[in-house]
Protein backbone atom coordinates (compact mmCIF):
# COMPACT_ATOMS: atom_id res chain seq x y z
CA MET A 1 55.61 6.56 -146.24
CA ASN A 2 55.97 3.22 -147.98
CA ASN A 3 59.51 2.01 -148.27
CA PRO A 4 59.53 -1.80 -148.37
CA ARG A 5 63.22 -2.02 -149.16
CA LEU A 6 64.18 0.02 -146.10
CA ALA A 7 61.70 -1.87 -143.91
CA GLY A 8 63.05 -5.20 -145.12
CA ARG A 9 66.63 -4.22 -144.37
CA TYR A 10 65.89 -2.97 -140.86
CA ALA A 11 63.72 -6.02 -140.15
CA LYS A 12 66.45 -8.37 -141.39
CA SER A 13 69.03 -6.62 -139.22
CA LEU A 14 66.81 -6.96 -136.16
CA LEU A 15 66.07 -10.60 -136.93
CA ASP A 16 69.77 -11.38 -137.41
CA LEU A 17 70.65 -9.66 -134.14
CA ALA A 18 67.86 -11.49 -132.32
CA LEU A 19 69.13 -14.81 -133.72
CA GLU A 20 72.66 -13.96 -132.63
CA GLN A 21 71.50 -13.14 -129.09
CA ASN A 22 68.97 -16.03 -128.88
CA GLN A 23 66.11 -13.58 -128.35
CA VAL A 24 63.97 -14.37 -131.40
CA PRO A 25 60.82 -15.42 -129.46
CA ALA A 26 60.95 -12.30 -127.27
CA VAL A 27 61.51 -9.94 -130.20
CA TYR A 28 58.80 -11.69 -132.23
CA ALA A 29 56.35 -11.22 -129.33
CA ASP A 30 57.36 -7.55 -129.16
CA MET A 31 56.75 -7.12 -132.88
CA LYS A 32 53.32 -8.76 -132.63
CA TRP A 33 52.47 -6.40 -129.77
CA LEU A 34 53.71 -3.37 -131.71
CA GLN A 35 51.70 -4.53 -134.72
CA SER A 36 48.54 -4.59 -132.62
CA VAL A 37 49.33 -1.14 -131.17
CA CYS A 38 49.88 0.32 -134.64
CA SER A 39 46.76 -1.28 -136.10
CA THR A 40 44.45 -0.26 -133.25
CA ASN A 41 45.82 3.22 -132.56
CA ARG A 42 45.97 5.39 -135.66
CA ASP A 43 47.03 8.42 -133.60
CA PHE A 44 50.20 6.61 -132.49
CA VAL A 45 51.19 5.98 -136.12
CA ASN A 46 50.32 9.57 -137.08
CA VAL A 47 52.52 10.95 -134.29
CA LEU A 48 55.46 8.84 -135.47
CA SER A 49 55.08 10.00 -139.07
CA SER A 50 54.48 13.66 -138.25
CA PRO A 51 57.25 15.98 -139.48
CA ILE A 52 56.09 18.65 -137.01
CA ILE A 53 56.83 16.65 -133.86
CA LYS A 54 60.51 16.66 -132.95
CA ALA A 55 62.49 13.44 -132.54
CA ASP A 56 63.03 13.94 -128.79
CA LYS A 57 59.25 14.18 -128.24
CA LYS A 58 58.71 11.05 -130.33
CA GLN A 59 61.36 9.29 -128.23
CA VAL A 60 59.50 10.24 -125.05
CA ILE A 61 56.20 9.00 -126.51
CA LEU A 62 57.73 5.73 -127.70
CA ASN A 63 59.37 5.16 -124.32
CA ALA A 64 56.07 5.82 -122.54
CA VAL A 65 54.23 3.36 -124.77
CA THR A 66 56.86 0.59 -124.77
CA ASN A 67 58.38 0.95 -121.29
CA GLY A 68 58.28 -2.41 -119.55
CA ARG A 69 56.36 -4.02 -122.42
CA VAL A 70 59.18 -4.85 -124.82
CA SER A 71 62.57 -6.51 -124.44
CA ALA A 72 65.80 -4.54 -124.08
CA LEU A 73 66.81 -5.46 -127.63
CA THR A 74 63.55 -4.15 -129.10
CA SER A 75 63.80 -1.01 -126.98
CA ALA A 76 67.36 -0.38 -128.22
CA PHE A 77 66.18 -0.98 -131.79
CA ILE A 78 63.39 1.58 -131.41
CA ASP A 79 65.93 4.07 -130.00
CA LEU A 80 68.10 3.45 -133.07
CA LEU A 81 65.14 4.12 -135.36
CA VAL A 82 64.56 7.48 -133.69
CA LYS A 83 68.25 8.40 -133.89
CA LYS A 84 68.28 7.55 -137.60
CA THR A 85 64.95 9.41 -138.11
CA ARG A 86 63.25 6.20 -139.27
CA GLU A 87 60.53 6.08 -136.60
CA SER A 88 57.93 6.88 -139.24
CA ASN A 89 58.71 3.47 -140.77
CA LEU A 90 58.15 1.54 -137.53
CA GLN A 91 54.83 0.02 -138.61
CA GLU A 92 56.27 -1.11 -141.94
CA ILE A 93 59.39 -2.53 -140.26
CA VAL A 94 57.22 -4.46 -137.81
CA HIS A 95 55.25 -6.03 -140.68
CA ALA A 96 58.47 -6.87 -142.53
CA PHE A 97 59.94 -8.48 -139.40
CA ILE A 98 56.86 -10.65 -138.89
CA ASP A 99 56.86 -11.67 -142.56
CA GLN A 100 60.56 -12.61 -142.40
CA TYR A 101 60.03 -14.53 -139.14
CA ASN A 102 57.11 -16.41 -140.70
CA SER A 103 59.16 -17.19 -143.80
CA MET A 104 62.08 -18.40 -141.69
CA ASN A 105 59.79 -20.70 -139.68
CA ASN A 106 57.69 -21.85 -142.66
CA ILE A 107 54.53 -20.24 -141.26
CA GLN A 108 51.78 -19.35 -143.72
CA LYS A 109 49.19 -16.67 -142.98
CA VAL A 110 45.58 -17.67 -143.59
CA LYS A 111 42.76 -15.15 -143.43
CA ILE A 112 39.23 -16.51 -143.20
CA THR A 113 36.45 -13.98 -143.73
CA THR A 114 32.85 -14.97 -142.96
CA ALA A 115 29.46 -13.29 -142.68
CA ALA A 116 28.94 -14.56 -139.13
CA PRO A 117 31.33 -15.62 -136.35
CA LEU A 118 33.23 -18.76 -137.32
CA THR A 119 32.57 -21.90 -135.29
CA ASP A 120 35.50 -24.09 -134.25
CA ASN A 121 34.17 -27.02 -136.29
CA LEU A 122 33.91 -24.96 -139.46
CA LYS A 123 37.36 -23.44 -138.88
CA GLU A 124 38.84 -26.94 -138.48
CA GLU A 125 37.11 -28.13 -141.66
CA ILE A 126 38.38 -25.17 -143.69
CA MET A 127 41.90 -25.54 -142.29
CA LYS A 128 41.88 -29.27 -143.07
CA ASN A 129 41.38 -28.38 -146.75
CA VAL A 130 44.03 -25.64 -146.60
CA LYS A 131 46.55 -28.02 -144.99
CA ALA A 132 45.85 -30.59 -147.70
CA ALA A 133 46.53 -27.97 -150.39
CA LEU A 134 49.72 -26.68 -148.68
CA PRO A 135 51.39 -29.65 -146.98
CA GLY A 136 54.35 -29.20 -144.66
CA LYS A 137 53.48 -25.70 -143.52
CA SER A 138 52.37 -24.24 -140.21
CA PHE A 139 49.56 -21.73 -140.26
CA GLU A 140 48.75 -18.47 -138.52
CA ILE A 141 44.99 -17.99 -138.73
CA GLU A 142 43.29 -14.61 -138.82
CA THR A 143 39.52 -14.33 -138.91
CA ALA A 144 37.34 -11.45 -139.97
CA ILE A 145 33.61 -10.83 -140.25
CA LYS A 146 31.97 -8.98 -143.15
CA ASP A 147 28.19 -8.86 -143.10
CA GLU A 148 28.00 -8.08 -146.83
CA LEU A 149 29.14 -11.63 -147.68
CA ILE A 150 25.63 -12.79 -146.66
CA GLY A 151 26.93 -16.34 -146.15
CA GLY A 152 29.80 -18.63 -147.00
CA PHE A 153 33.45 -17.66 -146.59
CA ILE A 154 36.56 -16.26 -148.24
CA VAL A 155 39.98 -17.82 -147.61
CA GLU A 156 43.15 -15.90 -148.49
CA THR A 157 46.61 -17.44 -148.28
CA SER A 158 49.92 -17.17 -150.13
CA GLY A 159 48.51 -15.02 -152.90
CA GLN A 160 45.54 -17.33 -153.45
CA LEU A 161 41.90 -16.45 -152.86
CA VAL A 162 39.04 -18.89 -152.53
CA ASP A 163 35.72 -17.05 -152.57
CA ALA A 164 32.87 -19.34 -151.56
CA SER A 165 30.55 -16.53 -150.47
CA ILE A 166 26.94 -15.97 -151.39
CA LEU A 167 27.83 -12.40 -152.40
CA ARG A 168 30.14 -13.74 -155.11
CA ASP A 169 27.46 -16.16 -156.29
CA LEU A 170 24.96 -13.31 -156.56
CA LYS A 171 27.46 -11.19 -158.50
CA ASP A 172 28.06 -14.10 -160.88
CA ILE A 173 24.31 -14.48 -161.45
CA LYS A 174 23.96 -10.74 -162.01
CA LYS A 175 26.78 -10.84 -164.57
CA GLN A 176 25.11 -13.71 -166.39
CA PHE A 177 21.87 -11.76 -166.63
CA MET A 178 23.69 -8.60 -167.71
CA ASP A 179 25.50 -10.52 -170.46
CA ASN A 180 22.18 -12.06 -171.53
CA GLU A 181 23.68 -15.53 -171.71
CA PHE A 182 20.25 -17.07 -171.23
CA ILE A 183 18.71 -15.35 -174.24
CA HIS A 184 21.36 -16.82 -176.56
CA ARG A 185 20.70 -20.31 -175.24
CA ILE A 186 16.94 -20.10 -175.83
CA ARG A 187 17.29 -19.49 -179.60
């Protein structure tokens, strides 16, 4: 269930409490870990959002998954979510927390998608151009591989997209042929 307003409020509350208790790095690490758990284990997210499974069972499952892996503050926060029947929003709250943390620390997410694994030299070259376009920011880099790009890369950051892939070039050429731009130029 998407509820960005609720997720933002819970995330802000957790961030404020973590700031107050000087536990921001620990809670941020917990949120990154929970983000990876939610993104890699669809069953975990489905259990949390299931209306059939009772809250006490969800609490047991959450405790089993997080026991010894998250800080006391994060554990207490998860308990609060279950008590308030907001455990189904955990994944969304985690994303909102990370976004707010990144905003607070001036960290920009950059996603680089390539057709083949990205070499360190190419990653540095791409990031040099990104840093020149967005000075004064720190960057969190995420890489992905999509074979259908054929070659080149796609860079996504702060609502901007730079598509320098061969797939896009081929689509542009196809569009030109479909629009018959070349026939008009011959006459």
